[in-house]
Amino acid sequence: MSLMCAVLCPPRWGAATVIRLGAEICEQTLCFHRVRTRVSLLSGQKGKPSPKLSSDTVSMARIVLADLTDARHAADWSTCTQAYASGPTGVRRPLPEDVLERSVKALASWPTAVIFLAYLPGEEDGTEQVAGVASCFRGWGTFAGRPLINVHDLAVLPHFHRRGVGKALLQAVIDRAKTEGCGKVTLEALTHNTGALELYTGLGFTSQMAFYELRL
């Protein structure tokens, strides 16, 4: 996403809601609107513990905190982000190489960036392959007086769908947020992206507000 959050999956929703105002990285400079909804997971609520993932859906996924100064991590981040941008929940076309290169260089030293990569054994020879990415940014919740983590992009490569990769990535984000004393984790989703919305609500995220977006 742009901060476009979604697990790659065919669009099936037609419900209304939402749009947001803000500039985004990792995308071409062109202006258009997308219908989205913001959802968040609040921490520290009495009687509402964070949902736990079943071990059978995530046992195969290895989640790592990415270092984009590492050549492999940079290449894997680019692979996932390019696939996401090209898909039905992205801009539906490949990002220019200079956009990817500029983003990798910036994110490698971006002070608030928190990026996770997921790896799974490949189907042909079992060699570990990148399966997905969660590109996140730290922020501050003024009402709670606590930090937060916003999931800007959440993407799973199509051939690794339905294997718990999205859940594993989000759980890594939630665990990191708890470690850093955050009050919540936030993200966005296109309202027609049923697979992503089911994942988020299944982990305890709730829809919070509508917002507008202006591409610059």
Protein backbone atom coordinates (compact mmCIF):
# COMPACT_ATOMS: atom_id res chain seq x y z
CA MET A 1 0.00 0.00 0.00
CA SER A 2 1.63 3.05 -0.20
CA LEU A 3 0.57 3.13 3.35
CA MET A 4 -1.60 0.69 1.53
CA CYS A 5 -2.16 -2.25 3.79
CA ALA A 6 -3.47 -5.46 2.52
CA VAL A 7 -2.64 -9.05 1.96
CA LEU A 8 -2.71 -9.54 -1.79
CA CYS A 9 -5.99 -11.14 -2.75
CA PRO A 10 -8.71 -10.70 -5.39
CA PRO A 11 -11.14 -7.85 -4.63
CA ARG A 12 -14.55 -9.04 -3.56
CA TRP A 13 -16.02 -6.31 -1.37
CA GLY A 14 -18.41 -3.60 -2.42
CA ALA A 15 -19.13 -1.91 0.94
CA ALA A 16 -18.73 1.83 1.25
CA THR A 17 -16.63 3.95 3.64
CA VAL A 18 -13.68 5.99 3.68
CA ILE A 19 -10.82 7.85 2.29
CA ARG A 20 -7.71 9.50 3.76
CA LEU A 21 -5.53 12.62 3.42
CA GLY A 22 -1.77 12.18 3.28
CA ALA A 23 1.27 11.75 1.10
CA GLU A 24 2.75 8.33 0.55
CA ILE A 25 6.13 6.90 -0.28
CA CYS A 26 6.99 4.05 -2.63
CA GLU A 27 4.54 5.15 -5.33
CA GLN A 28 4.46 7.21 -8.49
CA THR A 29 3.52 10.85 -8.17
CA LEU A 30 0.00 10.79 -9.43
CA CYS A 31 -3.25 11.92 -7.89
CA PHE A 32 -6.28 9.70 -7.45
CA HIS A 33 -8.64 8.57 -4.72
CA ARG A 34 -9.07 5.14 -3.14
CA VAL A 35 -11.81 4.02 -0.81
CA ARG A 36 -10.22 2.73 2.37
CA THR A 37 -10.94 2.24 6.01
CA ARG A 38 -8.60 2.67 8.94
CA VAL A 39 -8.49 -0.02 11.56
CA SER A 40 -6.52 -0.22 14.76
CA LEU A 41 -5.66 -2.61 17.54
CA LEU A 42 -5.62 -1.01 20.97
CA SER A 43 -3.37 -2.47 23.63
CA GLY A 44 -3.80 -2.46 27.37
CA GLN A 45 -7.58 -2.83 27.35
CA LYS A 46 -8.81 -4.70 30.41
CA GLY A 47 -10.56 -7.94 29.58
CA LYS A 48 -9.47 -7.77 25.93
CA PRO A 49 -6.20 -9.66 25.52
CA SER A 50 -4.62 -9.65 22.09
CA PRO A 51 -5.74 -12.70 20.07
CA LYS A 52 -3.19 -15.48 19.73
CA LEU A 53 -2.43 -17.17 16.43
CA SER A 54 -2.88 -20.90 16.06
CA SER A 55 0.49 -22.59 15.75
CA ASP A 56 -0.50 -24.60 12.68
CA THR A 57 -0.90 -21.46 10.54
CA VAL A 58 2.42 -19.83 11.38
CA SER A 59 4.80 -22.63 12.30
CA MET A 60 6.50 -22.65 8.89
CA ALA A 61 7.00 -18.90 8.57
CA ARG A 62 10.26 -17.31 9.69
CA ILE A 63 9.84 -13.59 10.42
CA VAL A 64 12.88 -11.33 10.53
CA LEU A 65 13.37 -7.66 11.34
CA ALA A 66 14.75 -6.37 8.06
CA ASP A 67 17.94 -4.40 7.59
CA LEU A 68 17.72 -2.73 4.18
CA THR A 69 21.45 -2.09 4.14
CA ASP A 70 21.68 -5.87 3.67
CA ALA A 71 21.57 -6.72 -0.04
CA ARG A 72 19.28 -9.71 0.34
CA HIS A 73 16.81 -7.89 2.57
CA ALA A 74 16.76 -4.93 0.18
CA ALA A 75 16.12 -7.23 -2.81
CA ASP A 76 13.40 -9.16 -0.95
CA TRP A 77 11.70 -5.95 0.18
CA SER A 78 11.71 -4.75 -3.43
CA THR A 79 10.28 -8.05 -4.69
CA CYS A 80 7.34 -7.96 -2.28
CA THR A 81 6.65 -4.24 -2.70
CA GLN A 82 6.79 -4.52 -6.50
CA ALA A 83 4.39 -7.48 -6.52
CA TYR A 84 2.03 -5.63 -4.19
CA ALA A 85 2.07 -2.44 -6.24
CA SER A 86 1.41 -4.39 -9.44
CA GLY A 87 -1.53 -6.33 -8.01
CA PRO A 88 -5.26 -5.62 -7.64
CA THR A 89 -4.87 -3.82 -4.30
CA GLY A 90 -1.96 -1.69 -5.52
CA VAL A 91 -1.63 0.67 -8.47
CA ARG A 92 -1.96 -2.27 -10.91
CA ARG A 93 1.35 -1.64 -12.63
CA PRO A 94 5.02 -2.08 -11.76
CA LEU A 95 6.80 0.70 -9.92
CA PRO A 96 9.69 2.31 -11.80
CA GLU A 97 13.06 0.99 -10.73
CA ASP A 98 14.19 4.43 -9.57
CA VAL A 99 11.21 4.56 -7.18
CA LEU A 100 12.19 1.23 -5.62
CA GLU A 101 15.85 2.21 -5.39
CA ARG A 102 15.01 5.58 -3.84
CA SER A 103 12.72 3.94 -1.31
CA VAL A 104 15.23 1.27 -0.30
CA LYS A 105 17.92 3.90 0.20
CA ALA A 106 15.62 6.14 2.25
CA LEU A 107 14.08 3.38 4.37
CA ALA A 108 17.49 1.91 5.23
CA SER A 109 18.14 4.93 7.42
CA TRP A 110 14.60 6.21 8.07
CA PRO A 111 14.48 6.71 11.86
CA THR A 112 10.88 5.58 12.38
CA ALA A 113 10.83 2.66 9.94
CA VAL A 114 10.19 -0.88 11.22
CA ILE A 115 10.18 -3.52 8.46
CA PHE A 116 9.57 -7.25 8.75
CA LEU A 117 10.15 -9.90 6.10
CA ALA A 118 8.61 -13.38 6.07
CA TYR A 119 10.36 -16.45 4.69
CA LEU A 120 9.03 -19.90 3.81
CA PRO A 121 10.54 -22.96 2.11
CA GLY A 122 9.94 -22.99 -1.62
CA GLU A 123 7.66 -25.68 -3.04
CA GLU A 124 10.14 -27.06 -5.58
CA ASP A 125 13.35 -27.63 -3.63
CA GLY A 126 12.60 -26.37 -0.13
CA THR A 127 15.03 -23.47 -0.44
CA GLU A 128 13.89 -20.58 1.75
CA GLN A 129 12.18 -17.81 -0.20
CA VAL A 130 10.76 -14.43 0.72
CA ALA A 131 6.99 -14.71 1.18
CA GLY A 132 5.82 -11.32 2.42
CA VAL A 133 6.59 -7.95 3.95
CA ALA A 134 5.25 -5.56 6.58
CA SER A 135 6.59 -2.03 6.18
CA CYS A 136 5.72 -0.01 9.26
CA PHE A 137 6.41 3.38 10.79
CA ARG A 138 6.43 4.56 14.37
CA GLY A 139 4.23 7.48 15.34
CA TRP A 140 2.76 9.08 18.43
CA GLY A 141 -0.77 8.82 19.80
CA THR A 142 -1.60 12.24 21.22
CA PHE A 143 -4.78 11.10 23.01
CA ALA A 144 -3.09 8.16 24.72
CA GLY A 145 0.26 9.87 25.20
CA ARG A 146 1.98 6.73 23.95
CA PRO A 147 3.80 5.69 20.77
CA LEU A 148 2.08 3.69 18.05
CA ILE A 149 3.09 1.65 15.02
CA ASN A 150 1.33 2.15 11.72
CA VAL A 151 1.47 -0.65 9.15
CA HIS A 152 2.06 1.15 5.86
CA ASP A 153 2.29 -1.92 3.62
CA LEU A 154 1.34 -5.50 4.37
CA ALA A 155 1.80 -7.82 1.40
CA VAL A 156 2.08 -11.56 0.83
CA LEU A 157 3.28 -12.93 -2.49
CA PRO A 158 0.39 -14.68 -4.31
CA HIS A 159 1.94 -18.17 -4.30
CA PHE A 160 2.26 -18.00 -0.50
CA HIS A 161 -1.36 -17.08 0.19
CA ARG A 162 -3.38 -19.11 2.71
CA ARG A 163 -0.30 -20.22 4.61
CA GLY A 164 -0.50 -17.90 7.62
CA VAL A 165 2.13 -15.45 6.38
CA GLY A 166 0.00 -12.33 6.85
CA LYS A 167 -0.94 -13.40 10.36
CA ALA A 168 2.67 -14.11 11.25
CA LEU A 169 3.79 -10.70 9.97
CA LEU A 170 1.06 -8.86 11.86
CA GLN A 171 1.80 -10.79 15.04
CA ALA A 172 5.44 -9.73 14.74
CA VAL A 173 4.29 -6.11 14.43
CA ILE A 174 1.99 -6.44 17.45
CA ASP A 175 4.75 -8.05 19.54
CA ARG A 176 7.15 -5.28 18.55
CA ALA A 177 4.58 -2.62 19.46
CA LYS A 178 4.11 -4.18 22.90
CA THR A 179 7.87 -4.30 23.43
CA GLU A 180 8.15 -0.60 22.58
CA GLY A 181 5.25 0.35 24.89
CA CYS A 182 2.91 1.38 22.09
CA GLY A 183 -0.74 2.10 22.75
CA LYS A 184 -1.96 0.72 19.44
CA VAL A 185 -1.19 -0.61 15.99
CA THR A 186 -2.96 1.01 13.06
CA LEU A 187 -3.35 0.16 9.39
CA GLU A 188 -5.54 0.79 6.35
CA ALA A 189 -7.44 -1.55 4.06
CA LEU A 190 -9.41 -1.17 0.86
CA THR A 191 -13.01 -1.88 1.79
CA HIS A 192 -13.45 -4.44 -0.98
CA ASN A 193 -10.43 -6.48 0.18
CA THR A 194 -12.30 -9.14 2.12
CA GLY A 195 -9.33 -11.37 2.77
CA ALA A 196 -7.38 -8.56 4.42
CA LEU A 197 -10.36 -7.37 6.45
CA GLU A 198 -11.04 -10.87 7.74
CA LEU A 199 -7.40 -11.17 8.76
CA TYR A 200 -7.41 -7.86 10.62
CA THR A 201 -10.69 -8.37 12.45
CA GLY A 202 -9.66 -11.92 13.31
CA LEU A 203 -6.63 -10.49 15.11
CA GLY A 204 -8.73 -8.00 17.05
CA PHE A 205 -8.47 -4.90 14.86
CA THR A 206 -11.55 -2.69 14.70
CA SER A 207 -12.61 -0.02 12.23
CA GLN A 208 -12.08 3.45 13.69
CA MET A 209 -12.75 6.29 11.25
CA ALA A 210 -13.00 7.59 7.73
CA PHE A 211 -10.23 9.63 6.17
CA TYR A 212 -9.25 11.33 2.92
CA GLU A 213 -6.22 10.82 0.72
CA LEU A 214 -4.59 13.20 -1.74
CA ARG A 215 -1.73 11.90 -3.89
CA LEU A 216 0.97 14.52 -4.49
